[in-house]
Amino acid sequence: MAGAIVFQNFFSDSDPTKFRMYFFRTKAGVFSIVQHNDRWRLILSDRWRLIFGSDTLGSYSTAEQAVDDLAGGHFSLPSGIDPATLGIPADLSKWEQ
């Protein structure tokens, strides 16, 4: 069943290093767009990773660029599935945080 899904953030709400992430579930699996985090120094970068399962599909300057690439089907998934056929919204506000 396609739709949004909520996952718990890695940091507590009171943690100033809290980073943002977005999730969307499709019939092929869960896609996530995650703000890159330097795990050693807990420093947030300006980059966003587009992830499907355990595969990083790309690194982007903004979360909006990542969702545009994904929703527009500008690449194919490792499984050969065309993301443009999965009904992924290009509007990031329709994803769960």
PDB file of N, CA and C in Angstrom:
ATOM      1  N   MET A   1       0.844  -1.180   0.000  1.00  0.00           N
ATOM      2  CA  MET A   1       0.000   0.000   0.000  1.00  0.00           C
ATOM      3  C   MET A   1       0.888   1.242   0.000  1.00  0.00           C
ATOM      4  N   ALA A   2       0.649   2.128  -0.926  1.00  0.00           N
ATOM      5  CA  ALA A   2       1.445   3.350  -1.022  1.00  0.00           C
ATOM      6  C   ALA A   2       0.940   4.368  -0.015  1.00  0.00           C
ATOM      7  N   GLY A   3       1.820   5.230   0.425  1.00  0.00           N
ATOM      8  CA  GLY A   3       1.448   6.292   1.342  1.00  0.00           C
ATOM      9  C   GLY A   3       2.608   6.683   2.206  1.00  0.00           C
ATOM     10  N   ALA A   4       2.363   7.631   3.058  1.00  0.00           N
ATOM     11  CA  ALA A   4       3.423   8.148   3.922  1.00  0.00           C
ATOM     12  C   ALA A   4       3.578   7.260   5.143  1.00  0.00           C
ATOM     13  N   ILE A   5       4.760   7.239   5.682  1.00  0.00           N
ATOM     14  CA  ILE A   5       5.060   6.470   6.887  1.00  0.00           C
ATOM     15  C   ILE A   5       5.949   7.317   7.777  1.00  0.00           C
ATOM     16  N   VAL A   6       5.775   7.201   9.057  1.00  0.00           N
ATOM     17  CA  VAL A   6       6.549   7.992  10.004  1.00  0.00           C
ATOM     18  C   VAL A   6       7.585   7.100  10.671  1.00  0.00           C
ATOM     19  N   PHE A   7       8.805   7.574  10.744  1.00  0.00           N
ATOM     20  CA  PHE A   7       9.863   6.892  11.458  1.00  0.00           C
ATOM     21  C   PHE A   7      10.370   7.813  12.560  1.00  0.00           C
ATOM     22  N   GLN A   8      10.856   7.232  13.624  1.00  0.00           N
ATOM     23  CA  GLN A   8      11.367   8.023  14.737  1.00  0.00           C
ATOM     24  C   GLN A   8      12.695   8.656  14.337  1.00  0.00           C
ATOM     25  N   ASN A   9      12.878   9.903  14.718  1.00  0.00           N
ATOM     26  CA  ASN A   9      14.124  10.597  14.439  1.00  0.00           C
ATOM     27  C   ASN A   9      15.245   9.975  15.269  1.00  0.00           C
ATOM     28  N   PHE A  10      16.482  10.061  14.775  1.00  0.00           N
ATOM     29  CA  PHE A  10      17.620   9.478  15.468  1.00  0.00           C
ATOM     30  C   PHE A  10      18.001  10.241  16.728  1.00  0.00           C
ATOM     31  N   PHE A  11      17.654  11.504  16.821  1.00  0.00           N
ATOM     32  CA  PHE A  11      17.988  12.327  17.965  1.00  0.00           C
ATOM     33  C   PHE A  11      16.715  12.763  18.667  1.00  0.00           C
ATOM     34  N   SER A  12      16.830  13.100  19.927  1.00  0.00           N
ATOM     35  CA  SER A  12      15.657  13.557  20.672  1.00  0.00           C
ATOM     36  C   SER A  12      15.248  14.952  20.211  1.00  0.00           C
ATOM     37  N   ASP A  13      13.991  15.313  20.492  1.00  0.00           N
ATOM     38  CA  ASP A  13      13.501  16.633  20.094  1.00  0.00           C
ATOM     39  C   ASP A  13      14.252  17.765  20.775  1.00  0.00           C
ATOM     40  N   SER A  14      14.849  17.509  21.921  1.00  0.00           N
ATOM     41  CA  SER A  14      15.570  18.559  22.641  1.00  0.00           C
ATOM     42  C   SER A  14      17.020  18.690  22.176  1.00  0.00           C
ATOM     43  N   ASP A  15      17.467  17.814  21.297  1.00  0.00           N
ATOM     44  CA  ASP A  15      18.849  17.814  20.836  1.00  0.00           C
ATOM     45  C   ASP A  15      19.027  18.869  19.745  1.00  0.00           C
ATOM     46  N   PRO A  16      19.935  19.830  19.939  1.00  0.00           N
ATOM     47  CA  PRO A  16      20.134  20.885  18.941  1.00  0.00           C
ATOM     48  C   PRO A  16      20.733  20.374  17.637  1.00  0.00           C
ATOM     49  N   THR A  17      21.276  19.159  17.619  1.00  0.00           N
ATOM     50  CA  THR A  17      21.860  18.620  16.396  1.00  0.00           C
ATOM     51  C   THR A  17      20.846  17.786  15.615  1.00  0.00           C
ATOM     52  N   LYS A  18      19.596  17.856  16.014  1.00  0.00           N
ATOM     53  CA  LYS A  18      18.548  17.099  15.330  1.00  0.00           C
ATOM     54  C   LYS A  18      18.561  17.435  13.837  1.00  0.00           C
ATOM     55  N   PHE A  19      18.526  16.414  13.029  1.00  0.00           N
ATOM     56  CA  PHE A  19      18.501  16.655  11.600  1.00  0.00           C
ATOM     57  C   PHE A  19      17.174  16.203  11.026  1.00  0.00           C
ATOM     58  N   ARG A  20      16.874  16.684   9.837  1.00  0.00           N
ATOM     59  CA  ARG A  20      15.589  16.389   9.224  1.00  0.00           C
ATOM     60  C   ARG A  20      15.695  15.200   8.287  1.00  0.00           C
ATOM     61  N   MET A  21      14.576  14.483   8.200  1.00  0.00           N
ATOM     62  CA  MET A  21      14.467  13.393   7.258  1.00  0.00           C
ATOM     63  C   MET A  21      13.021  13.263   6.823  1.00  0.00           C
ATOM     64  N   TYR A  22      12.836  12.802   5.616  1.00  0.00           N
ATOM     65  CA  TYR A  22      11.516  12.624   5.042  1.00  0.00           C
ATOM     66  C   TYR A  22      11.385  11.186   4.567  1.00  0.00           C
ATOM     67  N   PHE A  23      10.161  10.635   4.655  1.00  0.00           N
ATOM     68  CA  PHE A  23       9.920   9.255   4.263  1.00  0.00           C
ATOM     69  C   PHE A  23       8.660   9.144   3.424  1.00  0.00           C
ATOM     70  N   PHE A  24       8.694   8.210   2.462  1.00  0.00           N
ATOM     71  CA  PHE A  24       7.504   7.900   1.693  1.00  0.00           C
ATOM     72  C   PHE A  24       7.537   6.423   1.326  1.00  0.00           C
ATOM     73  N   ARG A  25       6.431   5.728   1.629  1.00  0.00           N
ATOM     74  CA  ARG A  25       6.352   4.296   1.348  1.00  0.00           C
ATOM     75  C   ARG A  25       5.600   4.066   0.036  1.00  0.00           C
ATOM     76  N   THR A  26       6.148   3.189  -0.786  1.00  0.00           N
ATOM     77  CA  THR A  26       5.520   2.796  -2.039  1.00  0.00           C
ATOM     78  C   THR A  26       5.389   1.279  -2.061  1.00  0.00           C
ATOM     79  N   LYS A  27       4.776   0.751  -3.112  1.00  0.00           N
ATOM     80  CA  LYS A  27       4.658  -0.701  -3.247  1.00  0.00           C
ATOM     81  C   LYS A  27       6.025  -1.360  -3.430  1.00  0.00           C
ATOM     82  N   ALA A  28       7.023  -0.584  -3.854  1.00  0.00           N
ATOM     83  CA  ALA A  28       8.374  -1.119  -4.049  1.00  0.00           C
ATOM     84  C   ALA A  28       9.226  -1.042  -2.789  1.00  0.00           C
ATOM     85  N   GLY A  29       8.810  -0.222  -1.810  1.00  0.00           N
ATOM     86  CA  GLY A  29       9.577  -0.049  -0.583  1.00  0.00           C
ATOM     87  C   GLY A  29       9.573   1.389  -0.108  1.00  0.00           C
ATOM     88  N   VAL A  30      10.344   1.657   0.924  1.00  0.00           N
ATOM     89  CA  VAL A  30      10.382   2.981   1.546  1.00  0.00           C
ATOM     90  C   VAL A  30      11.536   3.800   0.976  1.00  0.00           C
ATOM     91  N   PHE A  31      11.206   5.022   0.572  1.00  0.00           N
ATOM     92  CA  PHE A  31      12.213   5.987   0.147  1.00  0.00           C
ATOM     93  C   PHE A  31      12.420   6.976   1.278  1.00  0.00           C
ATOM     94  N   SER A  32      13.647   7.420   1.466  1.00  0.00           N
ATOM     95  CA  SER A  32      13.910   8.436   2.477  1.00  0.00           C
ATOM     96  C   SER A  32      14.862   9.481   1.913  1.00  0.00           C
ATOM     97  N   ILE A  33      14.685  10.696   2.395  1.00  0.00           N
ATOM     98  CA  ILE A  33      15.578  11.807   2.073  1.00  0.00           C
ATOM     99  C   ILE A  33      16.081  12.309   3.415  1.00  0.00           C
ATOM    100  N   VAL A  34      17.383  12.191   3.631  1.00  0.00           N
ATOM    101  CA  VAL A  34      17.970  12.415   4.950  1.00  0.00           C
ATOM    102  C   VAL A  34      19.066  13.459   4.867  1.00  0.00           C
ATOM    103  N   GLN A  35      19.006  14.414   5.784  1.00  0.00           N
ATOM    104  CA  GLN A  35      20.076  15.412   5.867  1.00  0.00           C
ATOM    105  C   GLN A  35      21.339  14.697   6.316  1.00  0.00           C
ATOM    106  N   HIS A  36      22.414  14.908   5.584  1.00  0.00           N
ATOM    107  CA  HIS A  36      23.680  14.232   5.893  1.00  0.00           C
ATOM    108  C   HIS A  36      24.203  14.673   7.253  1.00  0.00           C
ATOM    109  N   ASN A  37      24.736  13.735   7.984  1.00  0.00           N
ATOM    110  CA  ASN A  37      25.251  13.998   9.322  1.00  0.00           C
ATOM    111  C   ASN A  37      26.655  13.428   9.429  1.00  0.00           C
ATOM    112  N   ASP A  38      27.579  14.235   9.890  1.00  0.00           N
ATOM    113  CA  ASP A  38      28.926  13.751  10.189  1.00  0.00           C
ATOM    114  C   ASP A  38      28.846  13.051  11.539  1.00  0.00           C
ATOM    115  N   ARG A  39      28.828  11.731  11.527  1.00  0.00           N
ATOM    116  CA  ARG A  39      28.598  10.957  12.751  1.00  0.00           C
ATOM    117  C   ARG A  39      29.669  11.170  13.821  1.00  0.00           C
ATOM    118  N   TRP A  40      30.852  11.517  13.425  1.00  0.00           N
ATOM    119  CA  TRP A  40      31.918  11.672  14.405  1.00  0.00           C
ATOM    120  C   TRP A  40      31.821  12.988  15.156  1.00  0.00           C
ATOM    121  N   ARG A  41      31.406  14.028  14.452  1.00  0.00           N
ATOM    122  CA  ARG A  41      31.357  15.350  15.083  1.00  0.00           C
ATOM    123  C   ARG A  41      29.934  15.841  15.285  1.00  0.00           C
ATOM    124  N   LEU A  42      28.956  15.057  14.831  1.00  0.00           N
ATOM    125  CA  LEU A  42      27.545  15.438  14.924  1.00  0.00           C
ATOM    126  C   LEU A  42      27.286  16.816  14.318  1.00  0.00           C
ATOM    127  N   ILE A  43      27.909  17.043  13.194  1.00  0.00           N
ATOM    128  CA  ILE A  43      27.737  18.303  12.488  1.00  0.00           C
ATOM    129  C   ILE A  43      26.856  18.050  11.269  1.00  0.00           C
ATOM    130  N   LEU A  44      25.841  18.855  11.112  1.00  0.00           N
ATOM    131  CA  LEU A  44      24.975  18.718   9.960  1.00  0.00           C
ATOM    132  C   LEU A  44      25.616  19.397   8.762  1.00  0.00           C
ATOM    133  N   SER A  45      25.498  18.763   7.626  1.00  0.00           N
ATOM    134  CA  SER A  45      26.031  19.384   6.414  1.00  0.00           C
ATOM    135  C   SER A  45      24.878  19.959   5.602  1.00  0.00           C
ATOM    136  N   ASP A  46      25.208  20.559   4.507  1.00  0.00           N
ATOM    137  CA  ASP A  46      24.195  21.130   3.626  1.00  0.00           C
ATOM    138  C   ASP A  46      23.733  20.127   2.583  1.00  0.00           C
ATOM    139  N   ARG A  47      24.106  18.873   2.701  1.00  0.00           N
ATOM    140  CA  ARG A  47      23.773  17.861   1.707  1.00  0.00           C
ATOM    141  C   ARG A  47      22.639  16.966   2.194  1.00  0.00           C
ATOM    142  N   TRP A  48      21.895  16.441   1.248  1.00  0.00           N
ATOM    143  CA  TRP A  48      20.784  15.535   1.516  1.00  0.00           C
ATOM    144  C   TRP A  48      21.015  14.252   0.730  1.00  0.00           C
ATOM    145  N   ARG A  49      20.761  13.105   1.363  1.00  0.00           N
ATOM    146  CA  ARG A  49      20.897  11.808   0.703  1.00  0.00           C
ATOM    147  C   ARG A  49      19.523  11.259   0.367  1.00  0.00           C
ATOM    148  N   LEU A  50      19.401  10.742  -0.837  1.00  0.00           N
ATOM    149  CA  LEU A  50      18.203  10.029  -1.252  1.00  0.00           C
ATOM    150  C   LEU A  50      18.500   8.550  -1.094  1.00  0.00           C
ATOM    151  N   ILE A  51      17.675   7.853  -0.307  1.00  0.00           N
ATOM    152  CA  ILE A  51      17.945   6.457   0.044  1.00  0.00           C
ATOM    153  C   ILE A  51      16.725   5.606  -0.273  1.00  0.00           C
ATOM    154  N   PHE A  52      16.970   4.425  -0.817  1.00  0.00           N
ATOM    155  CA  PHE A  52      15.938   3.412  -1.033  1.00  0.00           C
ATOM    156  C   PHE A  52      16.459   2.119  -0.428  1.00  0.00           C
ATOM    157  N   GLY A  53      15.778   1.634   0.606  1.00  0.00           N
ATOM    158  CA  GLY A  53      16.276   0.461   1.320  1.00  0.00           C
ATOM    159  C   GLY A  53      17.619   0.793   1.934  1.00  0.00           C
ATOM    160  N   SER A  54      18.639   0.033   1.565  1.00  0.00           N
ATOM    161  CA  SER A  54      19.986   0.312   2.080  1.00  0.00           C
ATOM    162  C   SER A  54      20.873   0.975   1.028  1.00  0.00           C
ATOM    163  N   ASP A  55      20.276   1.352  -0.104  1.00  0.00           N
ATOM    164  CA  ASP A  55      21.037   1.963  -1.193  1.00  0.00           C
ATOM    165  C   ASP A  55      20.918   3.481  -1.184  1.00  0.00           C
ATOM    166  N   THR A  56      22.051   4.170  -1.193  1.00  0.00           N
ATOM    167  CA  THR A  56      22.057   5.617  -1.377  1.00  0.00           C
ATOM    168  C   THR A  56      22.005   5.878  -2.873  1.00  0.00           C
ATOM    169  N   LEU A  57      20.967   6.578  -3.295  1.00  0.00           N
ATOM    170  CA  LEU A  57      20.754   6.819  -4.721  1.00  0.00           C
ATOM    171  C   LEU A  57      21.390   8.108  -5.205  1.00  0.00           C
ATOM    172  N   GLY A  58      21.661   9.036  -4.279  1.00  0.00           N
ATOM    173  CA  GLY A  58      22.258  10.293  -4.687  1.00  0.00           C
ATOM    174  C   GLY A  58      22.425  11.245  -3.531  1.00  0.00           C
ATOM    175  N   SER A  59      23.196  12.285  -3.778  1.00  0.00           N
ATOM    176  CA  SER A  59      23.440  13.332  -2.802  1.00  0.00           C
ATOM    177  C   SER A  59      23.046  14.654  -3.461  1.00  0.00           C
ATOM    178  N   TYR A  60      22.299  15.480  -2.723  1.00  0.00           N
ATOM    179  CA  TYR A  60      21.703  16.682  -3.296  1.00  0.00           C
ATOM    180  C   TYR A  60      21.933  17.897  -2.394  1.00  0.00           C
ATOM    181  N   SER A  61      21.869  19.065  -2.991  1.00  0.00           N
ATOM    182  CA  SER A  61      22.021  20.310  -2.234  1.00  0.00           C
ATOM    183  C   SER A  61      20.802  20.594  -1.373  1.00  0.00           C
ATOM    184  N   THR A  62      19.623  20.185  -1.855  1.00  0.00           N
ATOM    185  CA  THR A  62      18.391  20.408  -1.097  1.00  0.00           C
ATOM    186  C   THR A  62      17.541  19.144  -1.133  1.00  0.00           C
ATOM    187  N   ALA A  63      16.655  19.020  -0.154  1.00  0.00           N
ATOM    188  CA  ALA A  63      15.713  17.902  -0.132  1.00  0.00           C
ATOM    189  C   ALA A  63      14.762  18.000  -1.325  1.00  0.00           C
ATOM    190  N   GLU A  64      14.428  19.205  -1.725  1.00  0.00           N
ATOM    191  CA  GLU A  64      13.530  19.418  -2.854  1.00  0.00           C
ATOM    192  C   GLU A  64      14.135  18.901  -4.161  1.00  0.00           C
ATOM    193  N   GLN A  65      15.449  19.082  -4.329  1.00  0.00           N
ATOM    194  CA  GLN A  65      16.112  18.551  -5.523  1.00  0.00           C
ATOM    195  C   GLN A  65      16.041  17.027  -5.546  1.00  0.00           C
ATOM    196  N   ALA A  66      16.209  16.421  -4.394  1.00  0.00           N
ATOM    197  CA  ALA A  66      16.158  14.958  -4.311  1.00  0.00           C
ATOM    198  C   ALA A  66      14.777  14.437  -4.684  1.00  0.00           C
ATOM    199  N   VAL A  67      13.727  15.052  -4.118  1.00  0.00           N
ATOM    200  CA  VAL A  67      12.374  14.575  -4.421  1.00  0.00           C
ATOM    201  C   VAL A  67      11.999  14.867  -5.870  1.00  0.00           C
ATOM    202  N   ASP A  68      12.461  15.965  -6.434  1.00  0.00           N
ATOM    203  CA  ASP A  68      12.204  16.263  -7.840  1.00  0.00           C
ATOM    204  C   ASP A  68      12.831  15.199  -8.742  1.00  0.00           C
ATOM    205  N   ASP A  69      14.064  14.821  -8.439  1.00  0.00           N
ATOM    206  CA  ASP A  69      14.759  13.793  -9.209  1.00  0.00           C
ATOM    207  C   ASP A  69      14.020  12.454  -9.118  1.00  0.00           C
ATOM    208  N   LEU A  70      13.617  12.111  -7.916  1.00  0.00           N
ATOM    209  CA  LEU A  70      12.939  10.835  -7.699  1.00  0.00           C
ATOM    210  C   LEU A  70      11.564  10.815  -8.348  1.00  0.00           C
ATOM    211  N   ALA A  71      10.754  11.805  -8.076  1.00  0.00           N
ATOM    212  CA  ALA A  71       9.387  11.842  -8.604  1.00  0.00           C
ATOM    213  C   ALA A  71       9.377  11.959 -10.127  1.00  0.00           C
ATOM    214  N   GLY A  72      10.389  12.610 -10.669  1.00  0.00           N
ATOM    215  CA  GLY A  72      10.471  12.770 -12.112  1.00  0.00           C
ATOM    216  C   GLY A  72      11.021  11.556 -12.834  1.00  0.00           C
ATOM    217  N   GLY A  73      11.477  10.539 -12.068  1.00  0.00           N
ATOM    218  CA  GLY A  73      12.013   9.334 -12.682  1.00  0.00           C
ATOM    219  C   GLY A  73      13.288   9.572 -13.467  1.00  0.00           C
ATOM    220  N   HIS A  74      14.159  10.437 -12.945  1.00  0.00           N
ATOM    221  CA  HIS A  74      15.386  10.796 -13.661  1.00  0.00           C
ATOM    222  C   HIS A  74      16.483   9.756 -13.561  1.00  0.00           C
ATOM    223  N   PHE A  75      16.218   8.643 -12.905  1.00  0.00           N
ATOM    224  CA  PHE A  75      17.173   7.541 -12.827  1.00  0.00           C
ATOM    225  C   PHE A  75      16.397   6.270 -12.542  1.00  0.00           C
ATOM    226  N   SER A  76      17.052   5.120 -12.685  1.00  0.00           N
ATOM    227  CA  SER A  76      16.388   3.866 -12.369  1.00  0.00           C
ATOM    228  C   SER A  76      16.943   3.315 -11.058  1.00  0.00           C
ATOM    229  N   LEU A  77      16.124   2.579 -10.379  1.00  0.00           N
ATOM    230  CA  LEU A  77      16.519   1.972  -9.108  1.00  0.00           C
ATOM    231  C   LEU A  77      17.381   0.741  -9.365  1.00  0.00           C
ATOM    232  N   PRO A  78      18.193   0.345  -8.384  1.00  0.00           N
ATOM    233  CA  PRO A  78      19.004  -0.862  -8.558  1.00  0.00           C
ATOM    234  C   PRO A  78      18.163  -2.090  -8.922  1.00  0.00           C
ATOM    235  N   SER A  79      16.905  -2.119  -8.486  1.00  0.00           N
ATOM    236  CA  SER A  79      16.018  -3.245  -8.784  1.00  0.00           C
ATOM    237  C   SER A  79      15.449  -3.176 -10.197  1.00  0.00           C
ATOM    238  N   GLY A  80      15.711  -2.069 -10.915  1.00  0.00           N
ATOM    239  CA  GLY A  80      15.196  -1.901 -12.257  1.00  0.00           C
ATOM    240  C   GLY A  80      13.817  -1.269 -12.311  1.00  0.00           C
ATOM    241  N   ILE A  81      13.236  -0.955 -11.166  1.00  0.00           N
ATOM    242  CA  ILE A  81      11.922  -0.331 -11.106  1.00  0.00           C
ATOM    243  C   ILE A  81      12.051   1.137 -11.498  1.00  0.00           C
ATOM    244  N   ASP A  82      11.117   1.617 -12.281  1.00  0.00           N
ATOM    245  CA  ASP A  82      11.091   3.025 -12.675  1.00  0.00           C
ATOM    246  C   ASP A  82      10.359   3.814 -11.597  1.00  0.00           C
ATOM    247  N   PRO A  83      11.035   4.719 -10.880  1.00  0.00           N
ATOM    248  CA  PRO A  83      10.387   5.476  -9.809  1.00  0.00           C
ATOM    249  C   PRO A  83       9.191   6.298 -10.279  1.00  0.00           C
ATOM    250  N   ALA A  84       9.166   6.687 -11.544  1.00  0.00           N
ATOM    251  CA  ALA A  84       8.064   7.497 -12.056  1.00  0.00           C
ATOM    252  C   ALA A  84       6.740   6.723 -12.052  1.00  0.00           C
ATOM    253  N   THR A  85       6.796   5.404 -11.953  1.00  0.00           N
ATOM    254  CA  THR A  85       5.582   4.586 -11.949  1.00  0.00           C
ATOM    255  C   THR A  85       5.047   4.322 -10.542  1.00  0.00           C
ATOM    256  N   LEU A  86       5.683   4.874  -9.528  1.00  0.00           N
ATOM    257  CA  LEU A  86       5.332   4.547  -8.142  1.00  0.00           C
ATOM    258  C   LEU A  86       4.427   5.572  -7.463  1.00  0.00           C
ATOM    259  N   GLY A  87       4.069   6.626  -8.154  1.00  0.00           N
ATOM    260  CA  GLY A  87       3.174   7.621  -7.566  1.00  0.00           C
ATOM    261  C   GLY A  87       3.804   8.453  -6.464  1.00  0.00           C
ATOM    262  N   ILE A  88       5.076   8.694  -6.569  1.00  0.00           N
ATOM    263  CA  ILE A  88       5.795   9.469  -5.550  1.00  0.00           C
ATOM    264  C   ILE A  88       5.507  10.947  -5.776  1.00  0.00           C
ATOM    265  N   PRO A  89       5.006  11.643  -4.745  1.00  0.00           N
ATOM    266  CA  PRO A  89       4.681  13.061  -4.929  1.00  0.00           C
ATOM    267  C   PRO A  89       5.943  13.922  -5.017  1.00  0.00           C
ATOM    268  N   ALA A  90       5.926  14.882  -5.918  1.00  0.00           N
ATOM    269  CA  ALA A  90       7.043  15.818  -6.051  1.00  0.00           C
ATOM    270  C   ALA A  90       6.981  16.911  -4.989  1.00  0.00           C
ATOM    271  N   ASP A  91       5.862  16.988  -4.287  1.00  0.00           N
ATOM    272  CA  ASP A  91       5.679  17.972  -3.230  1.00  0.00           C
ATOM    273  C   ASP A  91       6.156  17.365  -1.907  1.00  0.00           C
ATOM    274  N   LEU A  92       7.262  17.872  -1.404  1.00  0.00           N
ATOM    275  CA  LEU A  92       7.869  17.332  -0.188  1.00  0.00           C
ATOM    276  C   LEU A  92       6.950  17.438   1.029  1.00  0.00           C
ATOM    277  N   SER A  93       5.994  18.349   0.995  1.00  0.00           N
ATOM    278  CA  SER A  93       5.082  18.479   2.127  1.00  0.00           C
ATOM    279  C   SER A  93       4.142  17.266   2.258  1.00  0.00           C
ATOM    280  N   LYS A  94       4.080  16.450   1.219  1.00  0.00           N
ATOM    281  CA  LYS A  94       3.252  15.247   1.252  1.00  0.00           C
ATOM    282  C   LYS A  94       4.023  14.033   1.795  1.00  0.00           C
ATOM    283  N   TRP A  95       5.279  14.233   2.113  1.00  0.00           N
ATOM    284  CA  TRP A  95       6.103  13.194   2.731  1.00  0.00           C
ATOM    285  C   TRP A  95       6.018  13.371   4.245  1.00  0.00           C
ATOM    286  N   GLU A  96       6.252  12.306   4.977  1.00  0.00           N
ATOM    287  CA  GLU A  96       6.290  12.384   6.442  1.00  0.00           C
ATOM    288  C   GLU A  96       7.693  12.735   6.901  1.00  0.00           C
ATOM    289  N   GLN A  97       7.756  13.461   8.018  1.00  0.00           N
ATOM    290  CA  GLN A  97       9.060  13.790   8.625  1.00  0.00           C
ATOM    291  C   GLN A  97       9.280  12.956   9.848  1.00  0.00           C
TER     292      GLN A  97
END
